[in-house]
PDB file of all heavy atoms in Angstrom:
ATOM      1  N   LEU A   1      -7.075   6.548   7.962  1.00  0.00           N
ATOM      2  CA  LEU A   1      -8.339   6.765   8.599  1.00  0.00           C
ATOM      3  C   LEU A   1      -9.453   6.825   7.566  1.00  0.00           C
ATOM      4  O   LEU A   1      -9.289   6.544   6.322  1.00  0.00           O
ATOM      5  CB  LEU A   1      -8.306   8.003   9.450  1.00  0.00           C
ATOM      6  CG  LEU A   1      -7.234   7.959  10.586  1.00  0.00           C
ATOM      7  CD1 LEU A   1      -7.284   9.288  11.381  1.00  0.00           C
ATOM      8  CD2 LEU A   1      -7.491   6.760  11.572  1.00  0.00           C
ATOM      9  N   ALA A   2     -10.654   7.343   7.995  1.00  0.00           N
ATOM     10  CA  ALA A   2     -11.819   7.542   7.101  1.00  0.00           C
ATOM     11  C   ALA A   2     -12.277   6.191   6.513  1.00  0.00           C
ATOM     12  O   ALA A   2     -12.181   5.156   7.128  1.00  0.00           O
ATOM     13  CB  ALA A   2     -11.499   8.604   6.069  1.00  0.00           C
ATOM     14  N   ASP A   3     -12.735   6.285   5.209  1.00  0.00           N
ATOM     15  CA  ASP A   3     -13.134   5.051   4.548  1.00  0.00           C
ATOM     16  C   ASP A   3     -11.850   4.496   3.902  1.00  0.00           C
ATOM     17  O   ASP A   3     -11.303   5.142   2.977  1.00  0.00           O
ATOM     18  CB  ASP A   3     -14.178   5.305   3.452  1.00  0.00           C
ATOM     19  CG  ASP A   3     -15.590   5.453   4.106  1.00  0.00           C
ATOM     20  OD1 ASP A   3     -16.085   4.501   4.627  1.00  0.00           O
ATOM     21  OD2 ASP A   3     -16.129   6.606   3.979  1.00  0.00           O
ATOM     22  N   GLY A   4     -11.486   3.282   4.301  1.00  0.00           N
ATOM     23  CA  GLY A   4     -10.302   2.707   3.690  1.00  0.00           C
ATOM     24  C   GLY A   4     -10.554   2.316   2.254  1.00  0.00           C
ATOM     25  O   GLY A   4     -11.555   1.647   1.992  1.00  0.00           O
ATOM     26  N   GLY A   5      -9.731   2.780   1.326  1.00  0.00           N
ATOM     27  CA  GLY A   5      -9.927   2.453  -0.059  1.00  0.00           C
ATOM     28  C   GLY A   5      -9.445   0.998  -0.408  1.00  0.00           C
ATOM     29  O   GLY A   5      -9.086   0.229   0.491  1.00  0.00           O
ATOM     30  N   LYS A   6      -9.443   0.713  -1.679  1.00  0.00           N
ATOM     31  CA  LYS A   6      -8.961  -0.574  -2.111  1.00  0.00           C
ATOM     32  C   LYS A   6      -7.419  -0.709  -1.793  1.00  0.00           C
ATOM     33  O   LYS A   6      -6.705   0.254  -1.880  1.00  0.00           O
ATOM     34  CB  LYS A   6      -9.137  -0.756  -3.649  1.00  0.00           C
ATOM     35  CG  LYS A   6     -10.595  -0.905  -4.033  1.00  0.00           C
ATOM     36  CD  LYS A   6     -11.192  -2.170  -3.571  1.00  0.00           C
ATOM     37  CE  LYS A   6     -12.617  -2.394  -4.111  1.00  0.00           C
ATOM     38  NZ  LYS A   6     -13.198  -3.625  -3.772  1.00  0.00           N
ATOM     39  N   VAL A   7      -7.058  -1.881  -1.468  1.00  0.00           N
ATOM     40  CA  VAL A   7      -5.640  -2.143  -1.146  1.00  0.00           C
ATOM     41  C   VAL A   7      -5.025  -3.119  -2.152  1.00  0.00           C
ATOM     42  O   VAL A   7      -5.774  -3.875  -2.787  1.00  0.00           O
ATOM     43  CB  VAL A   7      -5.418  -2.720   0.259  1.00  0.00           C
ATOM     44  CG1 VAL A   7      -5.915  -1.716   1.303  1.00  0.00           C
ATOM     45  CG2 VAL A   7      -6.234  -4.047   0.427  1.00  0.00           C
ATOM     46  N   ALA A   8      -3.768  -3.048  -2.326  1.00  0.00           N
ATOM     47  CA  ALA A   8      -3.046  -3.958  -3.207  1.00  0.00           C
ATOM     48  C   ALA A   8      -1.615  -4.156  -2.776  1.00  0.00           C
ATOM     49  O   ALA A   8      -1.036  -3.268  -2.066  1.00  0.00           O
ATOM     50  CB  ALA A   8      -3.026  -3.433  -4.672  1.00  0.00           C
ATOM     51  N   VAL A   9      -1.002  -5.353  -3.128  1.00  0.00           N
ATOM     52  CA  VAL A   9       0.347  -5.639  -2.685  1.00  0.00           C
ATOM     53  C   VAL A   9       1.163  -6.128  -3.930  1.00  0.00           C
ATOM     54  O   VAL A   9       0.635  -7.002  -4.632  1.00  0.00           O
ATOM     55  CB  VAL A   9       0.399  -6.693  -1.549  1.00  0.00           C
ATOM     56  CG1 VAL A   9       1.844  -7.104  -1.296  1.00  0.00           C
ATOM     57  CG2 VAL A   9      -0.291  -6.207  -0.313  1.00  0.00           C
ATOM     58  N   SER A  10       2.274  -5.603  -4.089  1.00  0.00           N
ATOM     59  CA  SER A  10       3.293  -6.099  -5.108  1.00  0.00           C
ATOM     60  C   SER A  10       4.361  -6.816  -4.356  1.00  0.00           C
ATOM     61  O   SER A  10       5.179  -6.196  -3.631  1.00  0.00           O
ATOM     62  CB  SER A  10       3.830  -4.999  -5.943  1.00  0.00           C
ATOM     63  OG  SER A  10       4.799  -5.515  -6.840  1.00  0.00           O
ATOM     64  N   ASP A  11       4.407  -8.148  -4.450  1.00  0.00           N
ATOM     65  CA  ASP A  11       5.388  -8.940  -3.779  1.00  0.00           C
ATOM     66  C   ASP A  11       6.157  -9.926  -4.620  1.00  0.00           C
ATOM     67  O   ASP A  11       6.589 -10.986  -4.196  1.00  0.00           O
ATOM     68  CB  ASP A  11       4.715  -9.715  -2.560  1.00  0.00           C
ATOM     69  CG  ASP A  11       3.527 -10.523  -3.040  1.00  0.00           C
ATOM     70  OD1 ASP A  11       3.362 -10.752  -4.249  1.00  0.00           O
ATOM     71  OD2 ASP A  11       2.734 -10.984  -2.185  1.00  0.00           O
ATOM     72  N   SER A  12       6.301  -9.545  -5.938  1.00  0.00           N
ATOM     73  CA  SER A  12       6.928 -10.470  -6.817  1.00  0.00           C
ATOM     74  C   SER A  12       8.455 -10.454  -6.722  1.00  0.00           C
ATOM     75  O   SER A  12       9.133 -11.316  -7.204  1.00  0.00           O
ATOM     76  CB  SER A  12       6.586 -10.002  -8.296  1.00  0.00           C
ATOM     77  OG  SER A  12       6.899  -8.669  -8.552  1.00  0.00           O
ATOM     78  N   THR A  13       9.004  -9.435  -5.996  1.00  0.00           N
ATOM     79  CA  THR A  13      10.442  -9.397  -5.753  1.00  0.00           C
ATOM     80  C   THR A  13      10.716  -9.946  -4.371  1.00  0.00           C
ATOM     81  O   THR A  13      10.289  -9.343  -3.359  1.00  0.00           O
ATOM     82  CB  THR A  13      10.992  -7.928  -5.827  1.00  0.00           C
ATOM     83  OG1 THR A  13      10.644  -7.405  -7.140  1.00  0.00           O
ATOM     84  CG2 THR A  13      12.489  -7.915  -5.561  1.00  0.00           C
ATOM     85  N   PRO A  14      11.415 -11.018  -4.254  1.00  0.00           N
ATOM     86  CA  PRO A  14      11.657 -11.646  -2.904  1.00  0.00           C
ATOM     87  C   PRO A  14      12.313 -10.652  -1.982  1.00  0.00           C
ATOM     88  O   PRO A  14      13.307  -9.962  -2.358  1.00  0.00           O
ATOM     89  CB  PRO A  14      12.615 -12.851  -3.235  1.00  0.00           C
ATOM     90  CG  PRO A  14      12.248 -13.190  -4.628  1.00  0.00           C
ATOM     91  CD  PRO A  14      11.942 -11.908  -5.322  1.00  0.00           C
ATOM     92  N   GLY A  15      11.808 -10.550  -0.769  1.00  0.00           N
ATOM     93  CA  GLY A  15      12.432  -9.666   0.224  1.00  0.00           C
ATOM     94  C   GLY A  15      11.979  -8.256   0.244  1.00  0.00           C
ATOM     95  O   GLY A  15      12.219  -7.524   1.231  1.00  0.00           O
ATOM     96  N   THR A  16      11.329  -7.810  -0.784  1.00  0.00           N
ATOM     97  CA  THR A  16      10.825  -6.438  -0.928  1.00  0.00           C
ATOM     98  C   THR A  16       9.366  -6.445  -1.366  1.00  0.00           C
ATOM     99  O   THR A  16       9.034  -6.945  -2.368  1.00  0.00           O
ATOM    100  CB  THR A  16      11.647  -5.561  -1.871  1.00  0.00           C
ATOM    101  OG1 THR A  16      13.007  -5.556  -1.428  1.00  0.00           O
ATOM    102  CG2 THR A  16      11.077  -4.141  -1.978  1.00  0.00           C
ATOM    103  N   SER A  17       8.491  -5.842  -0.576  1.00  0.00           N
ATOM    104  CA  SER A  17       7.077  -5.687  -0.886  1.00  0.00           C
ATOM    105  C   SER A  17       6.666  -4.306  -0.909  1.00  0.00           C
ATOM    106  O   SER A  17       7.178  -3.434  -0.157  1.00  0.00           O
ATOM    107  CB  SER A  17       6.233  -6.513   0.127  1.00  0.00           C
ATOM    108  OG  SER A  17       6.525  -7.859   0.097  1.00  0.00           O
ATOM    109  N   ILE A  18       5.651  -4.026  -1.773  1.00  0.00           N
ATOM    110  CA  ILE A  18       5.132  -2.711  -1.892  1.00  0.00           C
ATOM    111  C   ILE A  18       3.659  -2.793  -1.650  1.00  0.00           C
ATOM    112  O   ILE A  18       2.895  -3.509  -2.355  1.00  0.00           O
ATOM    113  CB  ILE A  18       5.315  -2.048  -3.267  1.00  0.00           C
ATOM    114  CG1 ILE A  18       6.850  -2.096  -3.578  1.00  0.00           C
ATOM    115  CG2 ILE A  18       4.855  -0.632  -3.296  1.00  0.00           C
ATOM    116  CD1 ILE A  18       7.216  -1.856  -5.010  1.00  0.00           C
ATOM    117  N   ARG A  19       3.158  -2.128  -0.626  1.00  0.00           N
ATOM    118  CA  ARG A  19       1.756  -2.119  -0.236  1.00  0.00           C
ATOM    119  C   ARG A  19       1.106  -0.783  -0.538  1.00  0.00           C
ATOM    120  O   ARG A  19       1.695   0.227  -0.216  1.00  0.00           O
ATOM    121  CB  ARG A  19       1.566  -2.486   1.261  1.00  0.00           C
ATOM    122  CG  ARG A  19       2.205  -3.787   1.714  1.00  0.00           C
ATOM    123  CD  ARG A  19       2.275  -3.921   3.221  1.00  0.00           C
ATOM    124  NE  ARG A  19       3.169  -5.067   3.572  1.00  0.00           N
ATOM    125  CZ  ARG A  19       3.666  -5.230   4.749  1.00  0.00           C
ATOM    126  NH1 ARG A  19       3.318  -4.340   5.772  1.00  0.00           N
ATOM    127  NH2 ARG A  19       4.455  -6.192   5.057  1.00  0.00           N
ATOM    128  N   TYR A  20      -0.074  -0.806  -1.194  1.00  0.00           N
ATOM    129  CA  TYR A  20      -0.775   0.402  -1.553  1.00  0.00           C
ATOM    130  C   TYR A  20      -2.101   0.509  -0.715  1.00  0.00           C
ATOM    131  O   TYR A  20      -2.826  -0.456  -0.637  1.00  0.00           O
ATOM    132  CB  TYR A  20      -1.093   0.434  -3.044  1.00  0.00           C
ATOM    133  CG  TYR A  20       0.129   0.398  -3.885  1.00  0.00           C
ATOM    134  CD1 TYR A  20       0.665  -0.763  -4.408  1.00  0.00           C
ATOM    135  CD2 TYR A  20       0.765   1.613  -4.266  1.00  0.00           C
ATOM    136  CE1 TYR A  20       1.773  -0.792  -5.253  1.00  0.00           C
ATOM    137  CE2 TYR A  20       1.882   1.594  -5.111  1.00  0.00           C
ATOM    138  CZ  TYR A  20       2.349   0.428  -5.591  1.00  0.00           C
ATOM    139  OH  TYR A  20       3.470   0.455  -6.412  1.00  0.00           O
ATOM    140  N   PHE A  21      -2.331   1.701  -0.200  1.00  0.00           N
ATOM    141  CA  PHE A  21      -3.602   1.905   0.496  1.00  0.00           C
ATOM    142  C   PHE A  21      -3.962   3.407   0.368  1.00  0.00           C
ATOM    143  O   PHE A  21      -3.167   4.207   0.022  1.00  0.00           O
ATOM    144  CB  PHE A  21      -3.543   1.447   1.943  1.00  0.00           C
ATOM    145  CG  PHE A  21      -2.423   1.968   2.732  1.00  0.00           C
ATOM    146  CD1 PHE A  21      -2.504   3.202   3.380  1.00  0.00           C
ATOM    147  CD2 PHE A  21      -1.222   1.300   2.781  1.00  0.00           C
ATOM    148  CE1 PHE A  21      -1.440   3.712   4.126  1.00  0.00           C
ATOM    149  CE2 PHE A  21      -0.143   1.846   3.565  1.00  0.00           C
ATOM    150  CZ  PHE A  21      -0.246   3.022   4.200  1.00  0.00           C
ATOM    151  N   SER A  22      -5.194   3.709   0.764  1.00  0.00           N
ATOM    152  CA  SER A  22      -5.674   5.162   0.653  1.00  0.00           C
ATOM    153  C   SER A  22      -6.956   5.327   1.427  1.00  0.00           C
ATOM    154  O   SER A  22      -7.492   4.334   1.996  1.00  0.00           O
ATOM    155  CB  SER A  22      -5.954   5.482  -0.853  1.00  0.00           C
ATOM    156  OG  SER A  22      -7.047   4.772  -1.337  1.00  0.00           O
ATOM    157  N   GLU A  23      -7.445   6.505   1.468  1.00  0.00           N
ATOM    158  CA  GLU A  23      -8.808   6.785   1.877  1.00  0.00           C
ATOM    159  C   GLU A  23      -9.708   6.711   0.691  1.00  0.00           C
ATOM    160  O   GLU A  23      -9.259   6.357  -0.378  1.00  0.00           O
ATOM    161  CB  GLU A  23      -8.880   8.170   2.591  1.00  0.00           C
ATOM    162  CG  GLU A  23      -8.020   8.301   3.855  1.00  0.00           C
ATOM    163  CD  GLU A  23      -8.116   9.669   4.460  1.00  0.00           C
ATOM    164  OE1 GLU A  23      -8.787  10.543   3.902  1.00  0.00           O
ATOM    165  OE2 GLU A  23      -7.469   9.855   5.501  1.00  0.00           O
ATOM    166  N   GLN A  24     -10.947   7.033   0.923  1.00  0.00           N
ATOM    167  CA  GLN A  24     -11.878   7.072  -0.187  1.00  0.00           C
ATOM    168  C   GLN A  24     -11.409   8.021  -1.301  1.00  0.00           C
ATOM    169  O   GLN A  24     -10.728   8.991  -1.078  1.00  0.00           O
ATOM    170  CB  GLN A  24     -13.289   7.436   0.236  1.00  0.00           C
ATOM    171  CG  GLN A  24     -13.461   8.885   0.679  1.00  0.00           C
ATOM    172  CD  GLN A  24     -13.185   9.034   2.182  1.00  0.00           C
ATOM    173  OE1 GLN A  24     -12.488   8.251   2.784  1.00  0.00           O
ATOM    174  NE2 GLN A  24     -13.699  10.108   2.782  1.00  0.00           N
ATOM    175  N   ASN A  25     -11.843   7.711  -2.567  1.00  0.00           N
ATOM    176  CA  ASN A  25     -11.452   8.560  -3.707  1.00  0.00           C
ATOM    177  C   ASN A  25      -9.944   8.764  -3.900  1.00  0.00           C
ATOM    178  O   ASN A  25      -9.450   9.775  -4.362  1.00  0.00           O
ATOM    179  CB  ASN A  25     -12.105   9.972  -3.624  1.00  0.00           C
ATOM    180  CG  ASN A  25     -13.614   9.900  -3.556  1.00  0.00           C
ATOM    181  OD1 ASN A  25     -14.277   9.263  -4.418  1.00  0.00           O
ATOM    182  ND2 ASN A  25     -14.195  10.477  -2.538  1.00  0.00           N
ATOM    183  N   LEU A  26      -9.239   7.699  -3.526  1.00  0.00           N
ATOM    184  CA  LEU A  26      -7.729   7.717  -3.616  1.00  0.00           C
ATOM    185  C   LEU A  26      -7.111   8.820  -2.714  1.00  0.00           C
ATOM    186  O   LEU A  26      -5.976   9.249  -2.994  1.00  0.00           O
ATOM    187  CB  LEU A  26      -7.232   7.882  -5.035  1.00  0.00           C
ATOM    188  CG  LEU A  26      -7.425   6.620  -5.925  1.00  0.00           C
ATOM    189  CD1 LEU A  26      -6.846   6.944  -7.343  1.00  0.00           C
ATOM    190  CD2 LEU A  26      -6.742   5.403  -5.386  1.00  0.00           C
ATOM    191  N   GLY A  27      -7.811   9.236  -1.764  1.00  0.00           N
ATOM    192  CA  GLY A  27      -7.280  10.299  -0.859  1.00  0.00           C
ATOM    193  C   GLY A  27      -6.084   9.777  -0.080  1.00  0.00           C
ATOM    194  O   GLY A  27      -6.115   8.635   0.434  1.00  0.00           O
ATOM    195  N   LEU A  28      -5.037  10.608   0.036  1.00  0.00           N
ATOM    196  CA  LEU A  28      -3.810  10.245   0.780  1.00  0.00           C
ATOM    197  C   LEU A  28      -3.276   8.897   0.321  1.00  0.00           C
ATOM    198  O   LEU A  28      -2.864   8.056   1.131  1.00  0.00           O
ATOM    199  CB  LEU A  28      -4.087  10.249   2.290  1.00  0.00           C
ATOM    200  CG  LEU A  28      -4.518  11.575   2.863  1.00  0.00           C
ATOM    201  CD1 LEU A  28      -4.783  11.445   4.347  1.00  0.00           C
ATOM    202  CD2 LEU A  28      -3.386  12.639   2.651  1.00  0.00           C
ATOM    203  N   PHE A  29      -3.290   8.671  -0.987  1.00  0.00           N
ATOM    204  CA  PHE A  29      -2.850   7.432  -1.594  1.00  0.00           C
ATOM    205  C   PHE A  29      -1.376   7.218  -1.179  1.00  0.00           C
ATOM    206  O   PHE A  29      -0.501   8.113  -1.306  1.00  0.00           O
ATOM    207  CB  PHE A  29      -2.921   7.494  -3.087  1.00  0.00           C
ATOM    208  CG  PHE A  29      -2.573   6.169  -3.793  1.00  0.00           C
ATOM    209  CD1 PHE A  29      -3.363   5.066  -3.716  1.00  0.00           C
ATOM    210  CD2 PHE A  29      -1.369   6.110  -4.514  1.00  0.00           C
ATOM    211  CE1 PHE A  29      -3.046   3.929  -4.359  1.00  0.00           C
ATOM    212  CE2 PHE A  29      -1.025   4.907  -5.165  1.00  0.00           C
ATOM    213  CZ  PHE A  29      -1.862   3.801  -5.027  1.00  0.00           C
ATOM    214  N   THR A  30      -1.032   6.018  -0.651  1.00  0.00           N
ATOM    215  CA  THR A  30       0.281   5.759  -0.016  1.00  0.00           C
ATOM    216  C   THR A  30       0.896   4.521  -0.586  1.00  0.00           C
ATOM    217  O   THR A  30       0.287   3.524  -0.837  1.00  0.00           O
ATOM    218  CB  THR A  30       0.102   5.584   1.486  1.00  0.00           C
ATOM    219  OG1 THR A  30      -0.442   6.776   2.064  1.00  0.00           O
ATOM    220  CG2 THR A  30       1.438   5.318   2.114  1.00  0.00           C
ATOM    221  N   ARG A  31       2.181   4.646  -0.890  1.00  0.00           N
ATOM    222  CA  ARG A  31       3.021   3.521  -1.326  1.00  0.00           C
ATOM    223  C   ARG A  31       3.965   3.170  -0.219  1.00  0.00           C
ATOM    224  O   ARG A  31       4.824   3.944   0.127  1.00  0.00           O
ATOM    225  CB  ARG A  31       3.798   3.890  -2.598  1.00  0.00           C
ATOM    226  CG  ARG A  31       4.730   2.820  -3.119  1.00  0.00           C
ATOM    227  CD  ARG A  31       5.452   3.291  -4.370  1.00  0.00           C
ATOM    228  NE  ARG A  31       6.342   4.404  -4.093  1.00  0.00           N
ATOM    229  CZ  ARG A  31       6.409   5.509  -4.894  1.00  0.00           C
ATOM    230  NH1 ARG A  31       5.653   5.603  -5.978  1.00  0.00           N
ATOM    231  NH2 ARG A  31       7.271   6.473  -4.592  1.00  0.00           N
ATOM    232  N   ARG A  32       3.740   2.046   0.412  1.00  0.00           N
ATOM    233  CA  ARG A  32       4.583   1.585   1.535  1.00  0.00           C
ATOM    234  C   ARG A  32       5.574   0.500   1.076  1.00  0.00           C
ATOM    235  O   ARG A  32       5.138  -0.580   0.656  1.00  0.00           O
ATOM    236  CB  ARG A  32       3.697   1.027   2.657  1.00  0.00           C
ATOM    237  CG  ARG A  32       4.470   0.407   3.792  1.00  0.00           C
ATOM    238  CD  ARG A  32       3.652   0.108   4.993  1.00  0.00           C
ATOM    239  NE  ARG A  32       3.406   1.378   5.702  1.00  0.00           N
ATOM    240  CZ  ARG A  32       2.840   1.442   6.968  1.00  0.00           C
ATOM    241  NH1 ARG A  32       2.482   0.371   7.552  1.00  0.00           N
ATOM    242  NH2 ARG A  32       2.687   2.628   7.490  1.00  0.00           N
ATOM    243  N   THR A  33       6.820   0.809   1.120  1.00  0.00           N
ATOM    244  CA  THR A  33       7.873  -0.168   0.690  1.00  0.00           C
ATOM    245  C   THR A  33       8.484  -0.833   1.916  1.00  0.00           C
ATOM    246  O   THR A  33       8.994  -0.073   2.823  1.00  0.00           O
ATOM    247  CB  THR A  33       8.975   0.512  -0.100  1.00  0.00           C
ATOM    248  OG1 THR A  33       8.348   1.195  -1.291  1.00  0.00           O
ATOM    249  CG2 THR A  33       9.943  -0.514  -0.626  1.00  0.00           C
ATOM    250  N   CYS A  34       8.449  -2.153   1.983  1.00  0.00           N
ATOM    251  CA  CYS A  34       8.880  -2.893   3.157  1.00  0.00           C
ATOM    252  C   CYS A  34      10.040  -3.866   2.779  1.00  0.00           C
ATOM    253  O   CYS A  34       9.914  -4.594   1.800  1.00  0.00           O
ATOM    254  CB  CYS A  34       7.743  -3.714   3.773  1.00  0.00           C
ATOM    255  SG  CYS A  34       6.357  -2.709   4.317  1.00  0.00           S
ATOM    256  N   ASN A  35      11.176  -3.778   3.646  1.00  0.00           N
ATOM    257  CA  ASN A  35      12.293  -4.642   3.267  1.00  0.00           C
ATOM    258  C   ASN A  35      13.263  -4.806   4.410  1.00  0.00           C
ATOM    259  O   ASN A  35      14.502  -4.459   4.303  1.00  0.00           O
ATOM    260  CB  ASN A  35      13.051  -3.978   2.075  1.00  0.00           C
ATOM    261  CG  ASN A  35      14.188  -4.833   1.598  1.00  0.00           C
ATOM    262  OD1 ASN A  35      14.224  -6.054   1.816  1.00  0.00           O
ATOM    263  ND2 ASN A  35      15.195  -4.198   0.992  1.00  0.00           N
ATOM    264  N   PRO A  36      12.860  -5.409   5.617  1.00  0.00           N
ATOM    265  CA  PRO A  36      11.535  -5.605   6.055  1.00  0.00           C
ATOM    266  C   PRO A  36      10.929  -4.383   6.645  1.00  0.00           C
ATOM    267  O   PRO A  36       9.727  -4.292   6.832  1.00  0.00           O
ATOM    268  CB  PRO A  36      11.676  -6.738   7.013  1.00  0.00           C
ATOM    269  CG  PRO A  36      13.068  -6.556   7.599  1.00  0.00           C
ATOM    270  CD  PRO A  36      13.921  -6.021   6.534  1.00  0.00           C
ATOM    271  N   GLY A  37      11.775  -3.440   7.134  1.00  0.00           N
ATOM    272  CA  GLY A  37      11.285  -2.169   7.693  1.00  0.00           C
ATOM    273  C   GLY A  37      10.521  -1.401   6.534  1.00  0.00           C
ATOM    274  O   GLY A  37      10.863  -1.473   5.376  1.00  0.00           O
TER     275      GLY A  37
END
């Protein structure tokens, strides 16, 4: 929620992706690992 911060995706490993997101000021910075869940 709030102001969505910058996002990034690491998808260099086939089948596994890591998505990064946060609120403003890196608040609640989250690392989401998908494979595929």
